[in-house]
Amino acid sequence: MLSNTTLGMLMATVNASILIISLPAIFNGIHLDPLAPGNVSYLLWMLMGYMLVTAVLVVTLGRLGDMYGRVRVYRAGFAVFTVASVALALTPAGGEAGALWLIGWRLVQGVGGAMLMANSTAILTDAFGARERGMALGVNQVAGLAGSFIGLVLGGLLSAWHWRAIFWVSVAVGAVGTWWAYRNLRETATRRTGVRVDWWGNVTFAAGLTALLAAITYGIQPYGGHTEGWTNPVVIAGLVGGCALLVAFCVIEVRVPQPMFDLGLFRIQAFWAGNAAALLNAIARGGLQFMLIIWLQGIWLPLHGYDFADTPLWAGIYLLPLTIGFVVAGPVSGYLSDRYGAKVFATGGLVIMAASFIGLLLIPVNFSYPVFAALLLVNGVGSGLFSAPNTTAVMNAVPAGQRGVASGVRATFQNAGMVLSIGVFFSLLVAGLSHSLPGALRAGLSAQGVPEQAVAAVAAVPPVGLMFAAFLGSNPIGSLLANTGVLHSLPPATVQTLTGRTFLPSLLAGPFHDGLVVVFVLAAVLAALGAVVSLLRGGVYIHDEQHGPTAEDGSAVGPTGPLSGARRPTPRGAA
């Protein structure tokens, strides 16, 4: 069970990040121009569609696992994921049709990934005793979060070969995992009978979260002459309507006899504090990957002599310290938390992460790599210290019959936090670029003798388009000047400078840093706030099926903490 669920989590999370670093190869492979109107939308949906679906469905699929068997839903998830991977690898067309095909099957792949994520943690909690869960869940969580970093390196390697290989690797792993799951996994949880599906709860939760996260996705795209779309009526309607539907979901859940999710679980101190800390951690960390890849691929690597075609591979390699720190710290903290509790490790991990964000904000855009690598290593260690103990504490605190939905809630907080993080961080970054990039473009182009009319046309291009072009491995200055008709009238040496690998990255560096400062300040504040919430989790709570939640010393636990004077009855025959 541990080996198969670890493979499943690894595959699901590798797939979430492998596309981030492979987008240059995919856009080139299906012949999409990053500056064409509407193509930014394709890029964002390729990135965020998978995370959106997993965030929306994990609670529902966890609940279905509680009702019909966690292993059954988990095995079906492997199969759905594999079929969708085959369809992605066989993408039949290019251009917009190819982009829509990829987005559609990525959403289907997200359904399979949600089935895996929602039930793997619950399966392990069923299979392992309370004294071993930290180790087991630590290995599983390391696979899950390390997979998001491994995907960066793997994506760089595979995209250097062929963009379709990015999906074929998921086919191979998925086929092995599906066969393995159907052959070896057996149901250990008792299936609940006489339980009905809470359709209204499922519909309002899925529709509300979808509307909210989709609105965030469109809010970071240009609209009506603005650099971002937060004034778009569709975005406003999605934000307001999504929040209203989630409020309706909460009202429904306290009124129906068999709710999709028992909101009473949030009266358990270890459960609500652990999930709140996980949400703050996900928001602080989720956009980090995206920012670091843009930083490396769009600016630092070209400035250090790397060809645009090689930047995905080297960006993955240079981010390895992040993975190493997490892989080393994760299992150790999971093992130790079985003995000493989650509070010290989870809280300390978030404090370390906050310190690393402050360090990243203090270094220049054109940094010295050893300093950058050390900060990435520290950040990975902090993430590893937090993840496994926090997950173990959350799962230990809930009744066995609620583990599937509790695992789904935990995954929803994590995945929704990552989508929200990309939206928030990206908006702040674009705001910083919008403030200073047009001026930097005007100064840089004018210094090269470009006519004022052409300078004004290039400076008017939305900053998000220029940033994504650099991220996708191209310098659009040449094509933009060609559209104005002045490119061929410039001296050859000037044309070579303007279309070279360093001109646009050098202009982006200053404005990018303006946005980056705001991003890392917010990330540090969120991580520090998560550490404060983590301190509120109380002691070591382990739910006893006969006597309810108990502390490590055997005392009974109430909704918000240990009950003074209450003791768990001594088992017959005990000394």
Protein backbone atom coordinates (compact mmCIF):
# COMPACT_ATOMS: atom_id res chain seq x y z
CA MET A 1 0.00 0.00 0.00
CA LEU A 2 2.78 2.43 0.86
CA SER A 3 4.71 1.77 -2.35
CA ASN A 4 1.66 2.00 -4.63
CA THR A 5 0.15 5.09 -3.03
CA THR A 6 3.57 6.74 -3.07
CA LEU A 7 3.84 6.02 -6.80
CA GLY A 8 0.35 7.44 -7.30
CA MET A 9 1.09 10.66 -5.41
CA LEU A 10 4.42 11.02 -7.18
CA MET A 11 2.80 10.67 -10.59
CA ALA A 12 -0.09 13.02 -9.79
CA THR A 13 2.17 15.81 -8.51
CA VAL A 14 4.94 15.36 -11.09
CA ASN A 15 2.24 15.85 -13.69
CA ALA A 16 1.11 19.08 -12.05
CA SER A 17 4.55 20.70 -12.38
CA ILE A 18 6.10 19.00 -15.41
CA LEU A 19 4.07 21.24 -17.71
CA ILE A 20 5.29 24.50 -16.13
CA ILE A 21 8.84 24.03 -17.34
CA SER A 22 7.84 22.27 -20.58
CA LEU A 23 5.52 24.98 -21.91
CA PRO A 24 8.19 26.46 -24.25
CA ALA A 25 8.53 23.08 -26.01
CA ILE A 26 4.74 22.55 -26.08
CA PHE A 27 4.00 26.02 -27.51
CA ASN A 28 6.67 25.49 -30.17
CA GLY A 29 5.41 21.97 -30.84
CA ILE A 30 1.82 23.05 -31.51
CA HIS A 31 2.93 26.34 -33.14
CA LEU A 32 1.31 28.87 -30.80
CA ASP A 33 2.52 32.48 -30.70
CA PRO A 34 2.70 33.68 -27.05
CA LEU A 35 1.99 37.28 -28.09
CA ALA A 36 -1.15 36.51 -30.13
CA PRO A 37 -4.39 37.75 -28.49
CA GLY A 38 -5.99 35.03 -26.41
CA ASN A 39 -2.97 32.73 -26.29
CA VAL A 40 -2.10 33.80 -22.76
CA SER A 41 -5.45 32.25 -21.79
CA TYR A 42 -4.39 28.90 -23.31
CA LEU A 43 -1.12 29.04 -21.41
CA LEU A 44 -2.79 29.73 -18.06
CA TRP A 45 -5.42 27.02 -18.54
CA MET A 46 -2.73 24.48 -19.43
CA LEU A 47 -0.97 25.43 -16.22
CA MET A 48 -3.87 25.85 -13.83
CA GLY A 49 -6.66 23.66 -15.25
CA TYR A 50 -5.23 20.48 -13.72
CA MET A 51 -4.81 22.10 -10.29
CA LEU A 52 -8.30 23.61 -10.47
CA VAL A 53 -9.96 20.24 -11.15
CA THR A 54 -8.05 18.48 -8.38
CA ALA A 55 -8.92 21.26 -5.93
CA VAL A 56 -12.62 21.06 -6.79
CA LEU A 57 -13.08 17.28 -6.80
CA VAL A 58 -10.92 15.88 -4.00
CA VAL A 59 -13.53 16.35 -1.25
CA THR A 60 -16.28 14.70 -3.31
CA LEU A 61 -14.04 11.82 -4.36
CA GLY A 62 -12.82 11.37 -0.81
CA ARG A 63 -16.43 11.14 0.34
CA LEU A 64 -17.19 8.58 -2.40
CA GLY A 65 -14.16 6.61 -1.17
CA ASP A 66 -15.64 6.56 2.34
CA MET A 67 -18.94 5.28 0.90
CA TYR A 68 -17.91 2.81 -1.80
CA GLY A 69 -14.32 1.88 -0.95
CA ARG A 70 -11.16 3.98 -1.00
CA VAL A 71 -9.12 1.42 -2.88
CA ARG A 72 -11.84 1.12 -5.53
CA VAL A 73 -11.86 4.87 -6.20
CA TYR A 74 -8.05 5.02 -6.02
CA ARG A 75 -7.59 2.23 -8.59
CA ALA A 76 -10.09 3.87 -10.94
CA GLY A 77 -8.09 7.09 -10.60
CA PHE A 78 -4.96 5.41 -11.91
CA ALA A 79 -6.91 4.13 -14.93
CA VAL A 80 -8.51 7.53 -15.73
CA PHE A 81 -5.15 9.27 -15.40
CA THR A 82 -3.49 6.79 -17.78
CA VAL A 83 -6.18 7.05 -20.47
CA ALA A 84 -5.99 10.85 -20.39
CA SER A 85 -2.19 10.70 -20.66
CA VAL A 86 -2.48 8.57 -23.82
CA ALA A 87 -4.85 11.15 -25.34
CA LEU A 88 -2.44 13.98 -24.48
CA ALA A 89 0.53 12.17 -26.01
CA LEU A 90 -1.48 11.61 -29.21
CA THR A 91 -2.57 15.26 -29.61
CA PRO A 92 -3.69 15.25 -33.26
CA ALA A 93 -3.54 18.94 -34.21
CA GLY A 94 -1.63 22.15 -33.72
CA GLY A 95 -2.56 25.78 -33.16
CA GLU A 96 -5.69 26.62 -31.20
CA ALA A 97 -7.27 23.22 -31.85
CA GLY A 98 -4.22 21.51 -30.36
CA ALA A 99 -4.29 23.85 -27.35
CA LEU A 100 -7.97 23.10 -26.67
CA TRP A 101 -7.31 19.36 -26.99
CA LEU A 102 -4.48 19.60 -24.45
CA ILE A 103 -6.55 21.69 -22.02
CA GLY A 104 -9.55 19.34 -22.25
CA TRP A 105 -7.57 16.18 -21.61
CA ARG A 106 -5.56 17.89 -18.87
CA LEU A 107 -8.88 18.47 -17.10
CA VAL A 108 -9.73 14.76 -17.47
CA GLN A 109 -6.28 13.91 -16.19
CA GLY A 110 -7.01 16.14 -13.21
CA VAL A 111 -10.06 13.98 -12.39
CA GLY A 112 -7.77 10.93 -12.18
CA GLY A 113 -5.24 12.86 -10.14
CA ALA A 114 -7.97 13.97 -7.72
CA MET A 115 -9.09 10.35 -7.24
CA LEU A 116 -5.51 9.44 -6.32
CA MET A 117 -4.88 12.42 -4.03
CA ALA A 118 -8.21 12.15 -2.21
CA ASN A 119 -7.79 8.53 -1.18
CA SER A 120 -4.07 7.76 -0.88
CA THR A 121 -3.68 9.48 2.50
CA ALA A 122 -6.83 7.79 3.85
CA ILE A 123 -5.65 4.35 2.63
CA LEU A 124 -2.35 4.77 4.48
CA THR A 125 -4.08 6.04 7.63
CA ASP A 126 -6.23 2.86 7.57
CA ALA A 127 -3.24 0.58 6.98
CA PHE A 128 -0.77 1.97 9.55
CA GLY A 129 -1.10 2.29 13.31
CA ALA A 130 -0.91 5.64 15.04
CA ARG A 131 2.77 5.15 15.96
CA GLU A 132 3.76 4.49 12.33
CA ARG A 133 1.53 6.92 10.43
CA GLY A 134 4.00 9.78 10.62
CA MET A 135 6.65 7.71 8.84
CA ALA A 136 4.20 6.35 6.23
CA LEU A 137 2.53 9.67 5.56
CA GLY A 138 5.95 11.33 5.58
CA VAL A 139 7.10 9.09 2.73
CA ASN A 140 3.81 9.72 0.90
CA GLN A 141 3.96 13.47 1.40
CA VAL A 142 7.60 13.61 0.36
CA ALA A 143 6.61 11.81 -2.84
CA GLY A 144 3.75 14.26 -3.31
CA LEU A 145 5.61 17.52 -2.78
CA ALA A 146 8.98 16.31 -4.08
CA GLY A 147 7.09 15.21 -7.21
CA SER A 148 6.23 18.82 -7.89
CA PHE A 149 9.96 19.62 -7.87
CA ILE A 150 11.06 16.45 -9.69
CA GLY A 151 8.60 17.36 -12.44
CA LEU A 152 10.65 20.48 -13.14
CA VAL A 153 13.85 18.54 -13.80
CA LEU A 154 12.05 15.77 -15.69
CA GLY A 155 10.16 18.30 -17.77
CA GLY A 156 13.41 20.05 -18.69
CA LEU A 157 15.03 16.77 -19.76
CA LEU A 158 12.06 15.48 -21.75
CA SER A 159 11.21 18.79 -23.43
CA ALA A 160 14.80 18.96 -24.71
CA TRP A 161 14.04 15.68 -26.53
CA HIS A 162 10.40 16.04 -27.69
CA TRP A 163 7.33 17.70 -26.21
CA ARG A 164 5.18 14.56 -26.58
CA ALA A 165 7.61 12.66 -24.33
CA ILE A 166 6.30 14.78 -21.44
CA PHE A 167 3.02 12.87 -21.67
CA TRP A 168 4.37 9.47 -22.69
CA VAL A 169 6.24 9.18 -19.39
CA SER A 170 2.89 9.56 -17.59
CA VAL A 171 1.46 6.80 -19.80
CA ALA A 172 4.25 4.40 -18.81
CA VAL A 173 4.07 5.14 -15.08
CA GLY A 174 0.27 5.17 -15.13
CA ALA A 175 0.05 1.79 -16.84
CA VAL A 176 2.38 0.20 -14.30
CA GLY A 177 0.57 1.85 -11.39
CA THR A 178 -2.87 0.78 -12.67
CA TRP A 179 -1.81 -2.85 -13.07
CA TRP A 180 -0.11 -2.81 -9.68
CA ALA A 181 -3.12 -1.24 -7.92
CA TYR A 182 -5.65 -3.69 -9.37
CA ARG A 183 -3.36 -6.66 -8.68
CA ASN A 184 -2.17 -5.92 -5.14
CA LEU A 185 -4.29 -3.32 -3.34
CA ARG A 186 -7.07 -4.69 -1.13
CA GLU A 187 -9.76 -2.76 0.72
CA THR A 188 -9.01 -2.43 4.44
CA ALA A 189 -11.66 0.11 5.44
CA THR A 190 -15.21 -0.95 6.27
CA ARG A 191 -17.57 0.27 3.58
CA ARG A 192 -20.48 2.30 4.91
CA THR A 193 -23.96 1.05 4.01
CA GLY A 194 -27.20 3.00 3.85
CA VAL A 195 -25.35 6.22 2.98
CA ARG A 196 -26.74 8.54 0.33
CA VAL A 197 -24.90 11.05 -1.86
CA ASP A 198 -25.40 14.68 -0.80
CA TRP A 199 -26.09 16.00 -4.30
CA TRP A 200 -26.85 19.59 -3.31
CA GLY A 201 -23.72 19.76 -1.21
CA ASN A 202 -21.59 18.32 -4.01
CA VAL A 203 -23.06 20.65 -6.66
CA THR A 204 -22.76 23.85 -4.63
CA PHE A 205 -19.23 23.04 -3.49
CA ALA A 206 -17.98 22.10 -6.97
CA ALA A 207 -19.73 25.02 -8.71
CA GLY A 208 -18.64 27.55 -6.09
CA LEU A 209 -14.99 26.53 -6.01
CA THR A 210 -14.86 26.26 -9.82
CA ALA A 211 -16.34 29.75 -10.26
CA LEU A 212 -13.96 31.22 -7.69
CA LEU A 213 -10.77 29.64 -9.04
CA ALA A 214 -11.73 30.20 -12.70
CA ALA A 215 -12.36 33.87 -11.92
CA ILE A 216 -8.85 34.11 -10.44
CA THR A 217 -7.46 32.51 -13.62
CA TYR A 218 -9.17 35.12 -15.83
CA GLY A 219 -8.40 37.93 -13.41
CA ILE A 220 -4.69 37.71 -14.18
CA GLN A 221 -5.27 38.07 -17.94
CA PRO A 222 -5.45 41.42 -19.80
CA TYR A 223 -8.94 42.86 -20.31
CA GLY A 224 -10.33 45.99 -21.95
CA GLY A 225 -7.04 47.85 -22.22
CA HIS A 226 -6.04 46.95 -18.65
CA THR A 227 -3.01 44.82 -17.85
CA GLU A 228 -5.20 42.56 -15.69
CA GLY A 229 -8.81 41.46 -15.75
CA TRP A 230 -10.08 42.19 -12.24
CA THR A 231 -12.57 44.73 -13.65
CA ASN A 232 -13.99 42.14 -16.07
CA PRO A 233 -17.71 41.63 -15.21
CA VAL A 234 -17.27 37.88 -15.71
CA VAL A 235 -14.44 37.84 -13.15
CA ILE A 236 -16.44 39.89 -10.64
CA ALA A 237 -19.47 37.64 -11.14
CA GLY A 238 -17.30 34.54 -10.65
CA LEU A 239 -15.77 35.84 -7.43
CA VAL A 240 -19.09 36.97 -5.93
CA GLY A 241 -21.07 33.98 -7.21
CA GLY A 242 -18.40 31.51 -6.13
CA CYS A 243 -18.31 32.88 -2.59
CA ALA A 244 -22.13 32.87 -2.43
CA LEU A 245 -22.27 29.22 -3.53
CA LEU A 246 -19.66 28.22 -0.92
CA VAL A 247 -21.72 29.96 1.78
CA ALA A 248 -24.77 28.06 0.51
CA PHE A 249 -22.73 24.85 0.71
CA CYS A 250 -21.98 25.48 4.39
CA VAL A 251 -25.68 26.16 5.11
CA ILE A 252 -26.70 22.95 3.30
CA GLU A 253 -24.11 20.85 5.14
CA VAL A 254 -25.45 21.74 8.58
CA ARG A 255 -29.04 21.00 7.54
CA VAL A 256 -28.96 17.76 5.52
CA PRO A 257 -29.07 14.44 7.45
CA GLN A 258 -26.11 12.92 5.56
CA PRO A 259 -23.81 15.79 4.53
CA MET A 260 -20.99 15.47 2.02
CA PHE A 261 -18.68 16.83 4.70
CA ASP A 262 -19.30 16.97 8.44
CA LEU A 263 -18.43 20.56 9.31
CA GLY A 264 -18.31 19.43 12.93
CA LEU A 265 -14.79 18.16 12.21
CA PHE A 266 -13.67 21.79 12.32
CA ARG A 267 -14.44 21.74 16.04
CA ILE A 268 -11.41 19.46 16.41
CA GLN A 269 -8.51 21.75 17.19
CA ALA A 270 -5.82 19.67 15.48
CA PHE A 271 -7.95 19.39 12.33
CA TRP A 272 -8.84 23.04 11.77
CA ALA A 273 -5.43 24.37 12.82
CA GLY A 274 -3.60 21.87 10.62
CA ASN A 275 -5.75 22.66 7.59
CA ALA A 276 -5.51 26.41 8.11
CA ALA A 277 -1.71 26.15 8.39
CA ALA A 278 -1.65 24.00 5.23
CA LEU A 279 -3.69 26.60 3.32
CA LEU A 280 -1.37 29.44 4.37
CA ASN A 281 1.65 27.30 3.48
CA ALA A 282 0.19 26.46 0.06
CA ILE A 283 -0.50 30.11 -0.73
CA ALA A 284 2.99 31.11 0.40
CA ARG A 285 4.71 28.28 -1.50
CA GLY A 286 2.41 27.65 -4.49
CA GLY A 287 3.43 30.62 -6.58
CA LEU A 288 7.10 30.22 -5.63
CA GLN A 289 7.72 27.57 -8.28
CA PHE A 290 6.15 29.71 -10.98
CA MET A 291 8.11 32.82 -9.97
CA LEU A 292 11.42 30.95 -9.78
CA ILE A 293 10.96 29.41 -13.24
CA ILE A 294 10.10 32.77 -14.82
CA TRP A 295 13.10 34.26 -13.00
CA LEU A 296 15.49 31.59 -14.29
CA GLN A 297 14.12 30.92 -17.79
CA GLY A 298 13.13 34.46 -18.66
CA ILE A 299 15.97 36.48 -17.12
CA TRP A 300 18.87 34.84 -15.27
CA LEU A 301 19.81 32.05 -17.67
CA PRO A 302 19.75 34.20 -20.85
CA LEU A 303 21.83 36.85 -19.06
CA HIS A 304 24.38 34.14 -18.25
CA GLY A 305 24.78 32.99 -21.84
CA TYR A 306 22.26 30.15 -22.11
CA ASP A 307 20.30 29.79 -25.34
CA PHE A 308 16.53 30.13 -24.97
CA ALA A 309 16.09 26.57 -26.27
CA ASP A 310 18.19 25.22 -23.37
CA THR A 311 16.66 27.22 -20.51
CA PRO A 312 13.95 24.67 -19.48
CA LEU A 313 16.54 21.94 -18.89
CA TRP A 314 18.92 24.18 -16.94
CA ALA A 315 16.14 25.80 -14.93
CA GLY A 316 15.16 22.34 -13.69
CA ILE A 317 18.76 21.51 -12.82
CA TYR A 318 19.34 24.78 -10.97
CA LEU A 319 16.21 24.19 -8.87
CA LEU A 320 17.47 20.83 -7.59
CA PRO A 321 18.49 22.20 -4.13
CA LEU A 322 14.79 22.82 -3.44
CA THR A 323 14.03 19.13 -4.06
CA ILE A 324 17.04 17.91 -2.09
CA GLY A 325 16.10 19.94 0.98
CA PHE A 326 12.55 18.62 0.94
CA VAL A 327 13.48 14.97 0.30
CA VAL A 328 16.00 14.99 3.17
CA ALA A 329 13.83 16.77 5.74
CA GLY A 330 10.44 15.20 4.94
CA PRO A 331 10.94 11.57 6.07
CA VAL A 332 13.02 12.61 9.09
CA SER A 333 10.35 15.00 10.37
CA GLY A 334 7.63 12.40 9.73
CA TYR A 335 9.53 9.78 11.74
CA LEU A 336 10.28 12.14 14.64
CA SER A 337 6.75 13.54 14.75
CA ASP A 338 5.46 10.04 15.60
CA ARG A 339 7.37 10.37 18.86
CA TYR A 340 7.36 14.07 19.68
CA GLY A 341 4.26 15.44 17.96
CA ALA A 342 3.70 17.73 14.99
CA LYS A 343 3.78 21.16 16.61
CA VAL A 344 7.54 21.73 16.88
CA PHE A 345 8.38 20.41 13.41
CA ALA A 346 5.46 21.95 11.51
CA THR A 347 5.82 25.34 13.19
CA GLY A 348 9.60 25.35 12.85
CA GLY A 349 9.32 24.44 9.16
CA LEU A 350 7.09 27.43 8.45
CA VAL A 351 9.45 29.77 10.34
CA ILE A 352 12.37 28.48 8.25
CA MET A 353 10.35 29.01 5.06
CA ALA A 354 9.55 32.61 6.07
CA ALA A 355 13.27 33.26 6.63
CA SER A 356 14.14 31.83 3.19
CA PHE A 357 11.56 34.10 1.50
CA ILE A 358 13.16 37.12 3.15
CA GLY A 359 16.55 35.92 1.89
CA LEU A 360 15.23 35.55 -1.67
CA LEU A 361 13.84 39.05 -1.58
CA LEU A 362 17.22 40.50 -0.52
CA ILE A 363 19.31 39.04 -3.36
CA PRO A 364 19.55 40.85 -6.74
CA VAL A 365 17.80 39.55 -9.89
CA ASN A 366 21.20 38.73 -11.41
CA PHE A 367 22.23 36.76 -8.31
CA SER A 368 25.24 34.65 -7.38
CA TYR A 369 24.10 31.04 -7.79
CA PRO A 370 25.66 29.58 -4.58
CA VAL A 371 23.65 32.05 -2.48
CA PHE A 372 20.50 31.30 -4.49
CA ALA A 373 21.05 27.53 -4.13
CA ALA A 374 21.53 27.83 -0.36
CA LEU A 375 18.25 29.73 0.00
CA LEU A 376 16.44 27.12 -2.12
CA LEU A 377 17.87 24.35 0.07
CA VAL A 378 16.68 26.12 3.24
CA ASN A 379 13.22 26.60 1.73
CA GLY A 380 13.04 22.90 0.81
CA VAL A 381 14.05 21.88 4.33
CA GLY A 382 11.33 24.12 5.78
CA SER A 383 8.69 22.61 3.48
CA GLY A 384 9.82 19.10 4.40
CA LEU A 385 9.71 19.80 8.13
CA PHE A 386 6.15 21.12 7.86
CA SER A 387 4.39 18.77 5.46
CA ALA A 388 4.51 15.24 6.91
CA PRO A 389 3.92 16.12 10.62
CA ASN A 390 1.05 18.44 9.72
CA THR A 391 -0.65 15.83 7.52
CA THR A 392 -0.24 13.14 10.18
CA ALA A 393 -1.74 15.38 12.88
CA VAL A 394 -4.75 16.20 10.69
CA MET A 395 -5.45 12.56 9.77
CA ASN A 396 -4.90 11.24 13.31
CA ALA A 397 -7.57 13.58 14.66
CA VAL A 398 -10.53 12.33 12.56
CA PRO A 399 -12.73 9.22 12.89
CA ALA A 400 -11.96 6.31 10.54
CA GLY A 401 -15.25 6.72 8.66
CA GLN A 402 -14.35 10.33 7.82
CA ARG A 403 -10.77 9.78 6.68
CA GLY A 404 -11.52 9.88 2.97
CA VAL A 405 -13.39 13.17 3.09
CA ALA A 406 -10.88 14.58 5.62
CA SER A 407 -8.06 13.70 3.22
CA GLY A 408 -10.05 15.40 0.46
CA VAL A 409 -10.49 18.54 2.54
CA ARG A 410 -6.76 18.60 3.27
CA ALA A 411 -5.96 18.23 -0.44
CA THR A 412 -8.54 20.89 -1.34
CA PHE A 413 -6.92 23.39 1.00
CA GLN A 414 -3.53 22.58 -0.49
CA ASN A 415 -4.54 22.62 -4.18
CA ALA A 416 -6.87 25.62 -3.91
CA GLY A 417 -4.11 27.45 -2.05
CA MET A 418 -1.70 26.80 -4.91
CA VAL A 419 -4.16 28.10 -7.55
CA LEU A 420 -4.91 31.11 -5.37
CA SER A 421 -1.18 31.63 -4.86
CA ILE A 422 -0.44 31.73 -8.57
CA GLY A 423 -3.31 34.19 -9.07
CA VAL A 424 -2.26 36.49 -6.23
CA PHE A 425 1.49 36.35 -6.86
CA PHE A 426 1.10 36.72 -10.59
CA SER A 427 -1.21 39.73 -10.16
CA LEU A 428 1.32 41.41 -7.88
CA LEU A 429 4.14 40.64 -10.30
CA VAL A 430 2.23 42.01 -13.29
CA ALA A 431 1.32 45.13 -11.29
CA GLY A 432 5.01 45.73 -10.63
CA LEU A 433 5.91 45.14 -14.27
CA SER A 434 3.11 47.42 -15.51
CA HIS A 435 4.43 50.24 -13.37
CA SER A 436 8.03 50.20 -14.59
CA LEU A 437 8.41 48.00 -17.71
CA PRO A 438 6.99 50.49 -20.28
CA GLY A 439 9.50 53.10 -19.15
CA ALA A 440 12.35 50.58 -19.28
CA LEU A 441 11.30 49.58 -22.82
CA ARG A 442 11.17 53.19 -23.99
CA ALA A 443 14.59 53.96 -22.55
CA GLY A 444 16.19 50.78 -23.91
CA LEU A 445 14.73 51.05 -27.43
CA SER A 446 15.40 54.79 -27.71
CA ALA A 447 19.03 54.20 -26.70
CA GLN A 448 19.33 51.87 -29.72
CA GLY A 449 18.01 54.55 -32.10
CA VAL A 450 14.54 53.05 -32.66
CA PRO A 451 12.06 55.68 -33.97
CA GLU A 452 9.64 57.09 -31.40
CA GLN A 453 6.51 55.74 -33.11
CA ALA A 454 7.86 52.18 -33.02
CA VAL A 455 9.03 52.64 -29.41
CA ALA A 456 5.49 53.68 -28.39
CA ALA A 457 3.98 50.64 -30.17
CA VAL A 458 6.29 48.17 -28.39
CA ALA A 459 5.87 49.87 -24.99
CA ALA A 460 2.08 49.53 -25.36
CA VAL A 461 2.24 45.71 -25.51
CA PRO A 462 0.79 44.20 -22.30
CA PRO A 463 3.64 43.33 -19.91
CA VAL A 464 2.17 39.86 -19.30
CA GLY A 465 2.68 39.03 -22.99
CA LEU A 466 6.33 40.11 -22.97
CA MET A 467 7.00 38.24 -19.74
CA PHE A 468 5.42 35.04 -21.03
CA ALA A 469 7.33 35.35 -24.30
CA ALA A 470 10.59 35.48 -22.35
CA PHE A 471 9.39 32.60 -20.16
CA LEU A 472 8.54 30.57 -23.28
CA GLY A 473 12.02 31.06 -24.68
CA SER A 474 11.67 33.79 -27.28
CA ASN A 475 12.56 37.45 -27.75
CA PRO A 476 9.51 39.12 -29.34
CA ILE A 477 11.20 42.49 -29.88
CA GLY A 478 12.16 41.59 -33.45
CA SER A 479 8.66 40.55 -34.49
CA LEU A 480 7.10 43.57 -32.75
CA LEU A 481 9.43 45.98 -34.55
CA ALA A 482 8.85 44.13 -37.83
CA ASN A 483 5.12 44.77 -37.41
CA THR A 484 5.83 48.51 -37.20
CA GLY A 485 7.90 48.35 -40.42
CA VAL A 486 11.11 49.80 -38.94
CA LEU A 487 13.16 46.66 -38.22
CA HIS A 488 14.85 46.47 -41.64
CA SER A 489 15.67 50.19 -41.61
CA LEU A 490 17.88 49.79 -38.55
CA PRO A 491 21.64 49.03 -38.77
CA PRO A 492 22.46 45.27 -38.72
CA ALA A 493 24.42 45.61 -35.47
CA THR A 494 21.40 47.24 -33.80
CA VAL A 495 19.07 44.52 -35.08
CA GLN A 496 21.43 41.87 -33.71
CA THR A 497 21.44 43.58 -30.29
CA LEU A 498 17.66 44.00 -30.17
CA THR A 499 16.94 40.39 -31.15
CA GLY A 500 19.75 38.84 -29.08
CA ARG A 501 19.35 36.75 -25.95
CA THR A 502 20.21 39.47 -23.41
CA PHE A 503 18.37 42.61 -24.56
CA LEU A 504 14.85 41.77 -23.31
CA PRO A 505 16.00 39.97 -20.12
CA SER A 506 18.13 42.97 -19.16
CA LEU A 507 15.10 45.27 -19.59
CA LEU A 508 12.86 42.88 -17.63
CA ALA A 509 15.29 42.52 -14.70
CA GLY A 510 14.55 45.81 -12.91
CA PRO A 511 10.74 45.80 -13.30
CA PHE A 512 10.64 42.09 -12.46
CA HIS A 513 12.46 42.75 -9.20
CA ASP A 514 9.91 45.44 -8.28
CA GLY A 515 7.15 42.84 -8.47
CA LEU A 516 9.29 40.14 -6.88
CA VAL A 517 9.87 42.19 -3.72
CA VAL A 518 6.11 42.44 -3.10
CA VAL A 519 5.64 38.72 -3.85
CA PHE A 520 8.30 37.51 -1.41
CA VAL A 521 7.21 39.92 1.34
CA LEU A 522 3.69 38.50 1.10
CA ALA A 523 5.02 34.91 1.04
CA ALA A 524 7.10 35.56 4.18
CA VAL A 525 4.10 37.10 5.98
CA LEU A 526 1.84 34.16 5.03
CA ALA A 527 4.42 31.59 6.18
CA ALA A 528 4.87 33.42 9.49
CA LEU A 529 1.09 33.59 9.96
CA GLY A 530 0.91 29.86 9.22
CA ALA A 531 3.48 29.26 11.97
CA VAL A 532 1.28 31.16 14.44
CA VAL A 533 -1.77 29.07 13.44
CA SER A 534 0.31 25.89 13.72
CA LEU A 535 1.09 26.74 17.35
CA LEU A 536 -2.64 26.62 18.08
CA ARG A 537 -3.00 22.95 17.14
CA GLY A 538 -2.65 21.80 20.77
CA GLY A 539 -1.04 18.51 21.80
CA VAL A 540 -0.77 15.13 20.09
CA TYR A 541 -4.34 14.00 19.27
CA ILE A 542 -5.09 10.48 18.07
CA HIS A 543 -8.73 9.54 17.45
CA ASP A 544 -9.67 6.38 19.31
CA GLU A 545 -12.61 4.58 17.68
CA GLN A 546 -14.01 3.45 21.04
CA HIS A 547 -13.45 6.55 23.12
CA GLY A 548 -13.04 9.40 20.62
CA PRO A 549 -9.99 11.64 20.24
CA THR A 550 -7.26 11.09 22.82
CA ALA A 551 -4.05 12.84 23.65
CA GLU A 552 -0.75 10.99 23.60
CA ASP A 553 -0.93 10.46 27.36
CA GLY A 554 -4.34 8.78 27.04
CA SER A 555 -6.48 11.71 28.23
CA ALA A 556 -9.72 12.35 26.36
CA VAL A 557 -9.85 15.25 23.94
CA GLY A 558 -12.78 17.60 23.46
CA PRO A 559 -13.59 19.71 20.40
CA THR A 560 -10.92 22.28 21.19
CA GLY A 561 -8.34 20.38 23.23
CA PRO A 562 -7.70 17.99 26.14
CA LEU A 563 -10.47 17.62 28.69
CA SER A 564 -9.08 18.13 32.19
CA GLY A 565 -9.57 15.13 34.43
CA ALA A 566 -10.96 12.88 31.68
CA ARG A 567 -9.05 9.66 31.12
CA ARG A 568 -9.37 6.87 28.59
CA PRO A 569 -10.44 3.66 30.36
CA THR A 570 -7.61 1.24 30.99
CA PRO A 571 -7.85 -1.82 28.71
CA ARG A 572 -8.72 -5.09 30.48
CA GLY A 573 -5.58 -6.93 31.48
CA ALA A 574 -3.38 -3.86 31.40
CA ALA A 575 -1.05 -3.23 34.29
